[in-house]
Amino acid sequence: MKFNLRVPGDGVSPSVCGTSDLDSARTDMETPSLTLGSEPPREFEIVPASGTIPPQSEIKVSVKLISNTIKKYEMNLVVDVENVGEEIVSLPINAK
């Protein structure tokens, strides 16, 4: 079963800061900049964000919040399944 995980309402451009910024082995230290009129940056890092799950199996998913604003988050992680539909399952995400 092919799946895609996402947070509806999350930004679309690369995050301004991410957990990879803390990786000392990373050589590319260029940080995306926010320009006026650009799309909002992603705040949720989902690993894996997509893939294939064999029948009767499971996977571990990591969701990290890289907050760009001070606010209360009440969003959902949703699962889209190829050839089945979008937002088949929804998992609430709450943070502040």
Protein backbone atom coordinates (compact mmCIF):
# COMPACT_ATOMS: atom_id res chain seq x y z
CA MET A 1 0.00 0.00 0.00
CA LYS A 2 1.49 3.34 -1.07
CA PHE A 3 0.90 6.18 1.38
CA ASN A 4 1.59 9.89 1.80
CA LEU A 5 1.62 11.69 5.18
CA ARG A 6 0.99 15.42 5.44
CA VAL A 7 -0.30 18.20 7.67
CA PRO A 8 -2.98 20.22 5.83
CA GLY A 9 -2.38 23.93 6.30
CA ASP A 10 1.37 23.53 6.79
CA GLY A 11 3.62 25.76 4.69
CA VAL A 12 4.96 24.74 1.31
CA SER A 13 8.43 26.29 1.04
CA PRO A 14 11.49 24.82 2.81
CA SER A 15 11.64 25.45 6.53
CA VAL A 16 13.60 28.47 7.73
CA CYS A 17 15.29 26.21 10.30
CA GLY A 18 15.27 22.45 10.64
CA THR A 19 16.64 19.66 12.75
CA SER A 20 19.29 19.08 10.07
CA ASP A 21 20.76 22.49 10.99
CA LEU A 22 22.08 20.80 14.15
CA ASP A 23 23.92 18.09 12.22
CA SER A 24 27.64 18.84 12.48
CA ALA A 25 28.37 16.66 9.42
CA ARG A 26 26.22 18.89 7.21
CA THR A 27 28.34 20.95 4.82
CA ASP A 28 25.59 23.03 3.19
CA MET A 29 24.78 25.65 5.81
CA GLU A 30 22.74 27.85 3.50
CA THR A 31 19.47 28.84 5.17
CA PRO A 32 16.39 29.54 3.04
CA SER A 33 15.33 33.17 3.33
CA LEU A 34 11.85 34.52 3.59
CA THR A 35 11.07 37.10 0.96
CA LEU A 36 8.01 39.29 0.81
CA GLY A 37 5.25 37.46 -1.05
CA SER A 38 6.88 34.05 -0.73
CA GLU A 39 4.95 31.01 0.44
CA PRO A 40 4.97 30.25 4.20
CA PRO A 41 7.67 27.78 5.30
CA ARG A 42 6.92 24.21 6.37
CA GLU A 43 6.80 23.79 10.14
CA PHE A 44 6.33 20.01 10.30
CA GLU A 45 9.08 17.54 9.41
CA ILE A 46 7.58 14.07 8.77
CA VAL A 47 9.88 11.05 8.33
CA PRO A 48 9.00 9.10 6.30
CA ALA A 49 6.51 11.39 4.53
CA SER A 50 5.66 8.72 1.95
CA GLY A 51 6.41 5.12 1.09
CA THR A 52 4.99 1.64 0.73
CA ILE A 53 3.78 -0.58 3.58
CA PRO A 54 3.40 -4.32 2.98
CA PRO A 55 0.13 -5.96 4.15
CA GLN A 56 -0.16 -6.70 7.89
CA SER A 57 2.89 -4.60 8.75
CA GLU A 58 3.69 -1.33 10.45
CA ILE A 59 6.25 1.51 10.31
CA LYS A 60 7.54 4.04 12.80
CA VAL A 61 6.86 7.68 11.88
CA SER A 62 8.60 10.71 13.35
CA VAL A 63 6.91 14.14 13.36
CA LYS A 64 8.92 17.19 14.44
CA LEU A 65 7.58 20.72 14.81
CA ILE A 66 9.90 23.53 13.76
CA SER A 67 7.79 26.49 14.88
CA ASN A 68 8.19 29.77 13.02
CA THR A 69 5.63 31.64 15.12
CA ILE A 70 4.40 31.77 18.69
CA LYS A 71 0.94 30.27 18.61
CA LYS A 72 -1.19 27.32 19.65
CA TYR A 73 -1.17 24.51 17.09
CA GLU A 74 -4.33 22.45 16.60
CA MET A 75 -3.74 20.57 13.37
CA ASN A 76 -3.94 17.03 12.02
CA LEU A 77 -1.51 14.58 10.45
CA VAL A 78 -3.45 12.90 7.64
CA VAL A 79 -2.82 9.75 5.61
CA ASP A 80 -3.49 9.63 1.87
CA VAL A 81 -3.56 6.14 0.33
CA GLU A 82 -2.92 5.72 -3.39
CA ASN A 83 -5.95 4.34 -5.29
CA VAL A 84 -8.07 4.56 -2.11
CA GLY A 85 -8.46 8.22 -1.19
CA GLU A 86 -7.17 11.27 0.63
CA GLU A 87 -7.29 11.89 4.37
CA ILE A 88 -8.21 8.26 5.09
CA VAL A 89 -6.96 8.59 8.68
CA SER A 90 -6.41 11.73 10.75
CA LEU A 91 -4.23 12.05 13.87
CA PRO A 92 -4.58 15.24 15.96
CA ILE A 93 -1.46 17.34 16.62
CA ASN A 94 -1.61 19.81 19.49
CA ALA A 95 1.27 22.03 20.61
CA LYS A 96 1.88 25.42 22.20
